Protein backbone atom coordinates (compact mmCIF):
# COMPACT_ATOMS: atom_id res chain seq x y z
CA UNK A 1 -0.93 269.19 174.28
CA UNK A 2 2.69 270.24 173.12
CA UNK A 3 4.67 267.24 171.51
CA UNK A 4 1.63 265.03 171.44
CA UNK A 5 2.58 263.57 168.07
CA UNK A 6 5.95 262.68 169.53
CA UNK A 7 4.57 261.07 172.66
CA UNK A 8 1.97 259.10 170.70
CA UNK A 9 4.61 258.03 168.21
CA UNK A 10 6.92 256.60 170.92
CA UNK A 11 3.78 254.91 172.52
CA UNK A 12 2.57 253.37 169.28
CA UNK A 13 6.05 252.51 168.10
CA UNK A 14 7.01 250.58 171.29
CA UNK A 15 3.54 248.79 171.23
CA UNK A 16 4.41 247.62 167.63
CA UNK A 17 7.95 246.66 168.63
CA UNK A 18 7.01 244.43 171.63
CA UNK A 19 4.10 242.95 169.65
CA UNK A 20 6.64 241.90 167.00
CA UNK A 21 9.01 240.52 169.75
CA UNK A 22 6.51 238.51 171.47
CA UNK A 23 4.10 237.71 168.54
CA UNK A 24 6.95 236.34 166.52
CA UNK A 25 8.19 234.04 169.28
CA UNK A 26 4.57 232.86 169.89
CA UNK A 27 4.03 232.25 166.07
CA UNK A 28 7.41 230.17 165.99
CA UNK A 29 6.29 228.15 169.06
CA UNK A 30 3.10 227.34 167.23
CA UNK A 31 4.86 226.00 164.32
CA UNK A 32 7.96 224.11 165.58
CA UNK A 33 9.76 222.98 168.71
CA UNK A 34 13.03 223.82 167.09
CA UNK A 35 14.40 226.82 169.23
CA UNK A 36 16.86 227.70 166.63
CA UNK A 37 14.31 228.14 164.01
CA UNK A 38 12.17 230.17 166.46
CA UNK A 39 14.94 232.40 167.26
CA UNK A 40 15.70 232.88 163.58
CA UNK A 41 12.12 234.04 162.78
CA UNK A 42 12.14 236.15 166.07
CA UNK A 43 15.30 237.95 165.07
CA UNK A 44 14.21 238.68 161.62
CA UNK A 45 10.85 239.81 162.57
CA UNK A 46 12.49 242.20 165.23
CA UNK A 47 15.08 243.52 162.88
CA UNK A 48 12.58 244.28 159.90
CA UNK A 49 10.11 245.92 162.57
CA UNK A 50 12.70 248.20 163.77
CA UNK A 51 13.71 249.31 160.33
CA UNK A 52 10.06 250.08 159.48
CA UNK A 53 9.36 251.83 162.80
CA UNK A 54 12.46 254.00 162.62
CA UNK A 55 11.76 255.10 159.11
CA UNK A 56 8.31 255.89 159.80
CA UNK A 57 8.69 257.68 163.09
CA UNK A 58 12.25 258.79 163.14
CA UNK A 59 11.51 262.38 161.90
CA UNK A 60 8.57 262.76 164.30
CA UNK A 61 9.92 261.61 167.62
CA UNK A 62 13.35 260.49 166.84
CA UNK A 63 12.17 256.84 167.16
CA UNK A 64 13.73 256.02 170.52
CA UNK A 65 11.37 253.28 171.65
CA UNK A 66 13.81 252.57 174.53
CA UNK A 67 14.24 254.37 177.77
CA UNK A 68 18.11 254.00 177.57
CA UNK A 69 18.14 255.85 174.19
CA UNK A 70 15.92 258.56 175.73
CA UNK A 71 18.31 258.67 178.76
CA UNK A 72 21.31 259.22 176.42
CA UNK A 73 19.67 261.88 174.55
CA UNK A 74 18.68 263.69 177.77
CA UNK A 75 22.38 263.37 179.12
CA UNK A 76 23.74 264.75 175.81
CA UNK A 77 21.08 267.64 176.22
CA UNK A 78 19.29 266.80 173.05
CA UNK A 79 16.09 266.52 174.98
CA UNK A 80 14.75 268.21 177.96
CA UNK A 81 13.88 266.41 181.32
CA UNK A 82 10.14 266.66 180.84
CA UNK A 83 10.21 265.30 177.38
CA UNK A 84 12.65 262.43 178.33
CA UNK A 85 10.41 261.45 181.27
CA UNK A 86 7.23 261.39 179.27
CA UNK A 87 9.07 259.31 176.58
CA UNK A 88 10.24 256.80 179.09
CA UNK A 89 6.68 256.44 180.58
CA UNK A 90 4.95 255.96 177.36
CA UNK A 91 7.68 253.50 176.10
CA UNK A 92 7.12 251.42 179.21
CA UNK A 93 3.26 251.52 178.88
CA UNK A 94 3.46 250.91 175.21
CA UNK A 95 5.80 247.92 175.65
CA UNK A 96 3.43 246.20 178.11
CA UNK A 97 0.52 246.81 176.02
CA UNK A 98 2.17 245.37 173.01
CA UNK A 99 2.82 242.09 174.93
CA UNK A 100 -0.61 242.03 176.24
CA UNK A 101 -2.05 242.33 172.71
CA UNK A 102 0.26 239.45 171.72
CA UNK A 103 -0.94 237.24 174.42
CA UNK A 104 -4.52 238.04 173.41
CA UNK A 105 -4.15 237.29 169.68
CA UNK A 106 -2.35 234.19 170.25
CA UNK A 107 -4.88 232.88 172.65
CA UNK A 108 -3.08 233.30 176.00
CA UNK A 109 -4.13 235.03 179.11
CA UNK A 110 -3.79 238.73 178.91
CA UNK A 111 -1.01 238.70 181.51
CA UNK A 112 0.96 235.61 182.06
CA UNK A 113 4.11 236.14 184.30
CA UNK A 114 7.12 234.53 182.71
CA UNK A 115 9.02 231.67 184.68
CA UNK A 116 12.00 231.94 182.15
CA UNK A 117 15.23 232.55 184.03
CA UNK A 118 17.88 234.61 182.37
CA UNK A 119 20.45 234.99 185.13
CA UNK A 120 24.18 234.60 185.37
CA UNK A 121 27.20 236.65 184.86
CA UNK A 122 27.59 235.93 181.17
CA UNK A 123 24.09 236.93 180.32
CA UNK A 124 24.32 240.19 182.34
CA UNK A 125 27.59 241.01 180.67
CA UNK A 126 26.06 240.22 177.38
CA UNK A 127 23.22 242.59 178.07
CA UNK A 128 25.58 245.38 179.11
CA UNK A 129 27.67 244.97 175.86
CA UNK A 130 24.47 244.62 173.75
CA UNK A 131 23.21 248.06 175.12
CA UNK A 132 26.72 249.50 174.69
CA UNK A 133 26.66 248.42 170.96
CA UNK A 134 23.23 249.64 170.23
CA UNK A 135 23.99 253.14 171.61
CA UNK A 136 27.34 253.34 169.97
CA UNK A 137 25.73 252.61 166.42
CA UNK A 138 22.95 255.24 167.33
CA UNK A 139 25.31 257.96 168.52
CA UNK A 140 27.90 257.52 165.94
CA UNK A 141 25.45 257.81 163.02
CA UNK A 142 23.48 260.76 164.17
CA UNK A 143 24.55 262.60 161.07
CA UNK A 144 23.34 259.84 158.67
CA UNK A 145 19.92 259.86 156.93
CA UNK A 146 17.11 258.49 158.95
CA UNK A 147 16.74 255.38 156.62
CA UNK A 148 20.48 254.45 156.97
CA UNK A 149 20.24 254.66 160.78
CA UNK A 150 17.02 252.49 160.56
CA UNK A 151 18.78 249.73 158.70
CA UNK A 152 21.94 249.92 160.91
CA UNK A 153 19.88 249.51 164.11
CA UNK A 154 17.63 246.73 162.68
CA UNK A 155 20.56 244.75 161.35
CA UNK A 156 22.61 245.20 164.48
CA UNK A 157 19.58 243.99 166.76
CA UNK A 158 18.81 241.06 164.44
CA UNK A 159 22.39 239.90 164.67
CA UNK A 160 22.88 240.63 168.29
CA UNK A 161 20.04 238.32 169.10
CA UNK A 162 22.30 235.58 167.93
CA UNK A 163 25.73 236.54 169.25
CA UNK A 164 24.63 237.85 172.67
CA UNK A 165 23.77 235.18 175.34
CA UNK A 166 21.01 237.47 176.72
CA UNK A 167 19.55 237.62 173.14
CA UNK A 168 20.10 241.37 173.23
CA UNK A 169 17.15 242.93 175.14
CA UNK A 170 19.06 246.27 175.40
CA UNK A 171 15.95 248.06 176.35
CA UNK A 172 14.33 248.45 179.83
CA UNK A 173 10.83 248.81 178.51
CA UNK A 174 11.15 245.56 176.45
CA UNK A 175 12.58 243.93 179.56
CA UNK A 176 9.77 244.94 181.79
CA UNK A 177 7.14 243.98 179.03
CA UNK A 178 8.52 240.51 178.29
CA UNK A 179 7.93 239.49 182.03
CA UNK A 180 4.31 239.51 181.03
CA UNK A 181 4.42 236.58 178.68
CA UNK A 182 4.89 232.94 179.50
CA UNK A 183 6.23 232.01 176.04
CA UNK A 184 9.58 231.82 174.18
CA UNK A 185 10.59 235.56 174.70
CA UNK A 186 9.64 235.76 178.30
CA UNK A 187 11.81 236.76 181.24
CA UNK A 188 11.25 236.01 184.84
CA UNK A 189 10.42 239.29 186.83
CA UNK A 190 13.37 238.70 189.36
CA UNK A 191 15.69 239.19 186.20
CA UNK A 192 14.15 242.59 185.43
CA UNK A 193 16.31 244.82 187.88
CA UNK A 194 19.65 243.26 186.98
CA UNK A 195 18.93 243.50 183.25
CA UNK A 196 17.98 247.15 183.74
CA UNK A 197 20.86 247.94 185.80
CA UNK A 198 23.24 246.29 183.10
CA UNK A 199 21.47 248.28 180.21
CA UNK A 200 21.95 251.59 182.18
CA UNK A 201 25.63 250.59 182.71
CA UNK A 202 25.98 249.85 178.99
CA UNK A 203 24.44 253.35 178.42
CA UNK A 204 26.81 255.27 180.86
CA UNK A 205 29.89 253.48 179.59
CA UNK A 206 28.99 254.04 175.95
CA UNK A 207 28.26 257.69 176.50
CA UNK A 208 31.70 258.26 178.43
CA UNK A 209 33.67 256.54 175.90
CA UNK A 210 32.04 257.95 172.88
CA UNK A 211 32.32 261.46 174.16
CA UNK A 212 35.91 261.15 175.00
CA UNK A 213 37.13 259.37 171.88
CA UNK A 214 34.91 260.66 169.24
CA UNK A 215 34.28 264.13 170.74
CA UNK A 216 30.49 263.80 170.64
CA UNK A 217 29.41 267.06 172.51
CA UNK A 218 26.47 267.94 174.36
CA UNK A 219 24.03 270.41 172.70
CA UNK A 220 24.27 273.87 174.12
């Protein structure tokens, strides 16, 4: 199968990403009731994992691990429709599998729907801005070395978890996957669609602004 290495990299990378997100939250819960400490460990684990994953898979698949990133690259004609659709499918599947693995290794049920409400205008605006910021960093640094981009993305997400009220999901696959865990990192299934709408809005706004101001062009 053509591009199998790319598709598998996106699948495996998203598994590891959501495993780090959910697993670090679960480990924190096991060790303390202090949510600030849990969030600190969670943000560091996610940031470090993103750096490792992007360096590892960046030159193979582009290390998207995120449907809005794949959508942005499709709209910029950097990936074709078939490749982008498969990327998005394997990212969602990988994200869900990563959370299920975390549930298993921390002795929860394989699937536990989260009751954690993440609604409200402030949280949704935060999620829009978080996605905008992530894509801005990715698109404005395309000409940098893969290692530099990895550090920039990891540092941004680790920081944005703290300064965004939504804790910066900025990723539809992660949003869907995190509804499957009744732990610190969960999200109620009714919040999934609003979060994804805001993530898509952040993506579209970023593309429009970046192309207009910084003259980022579509591939011919």
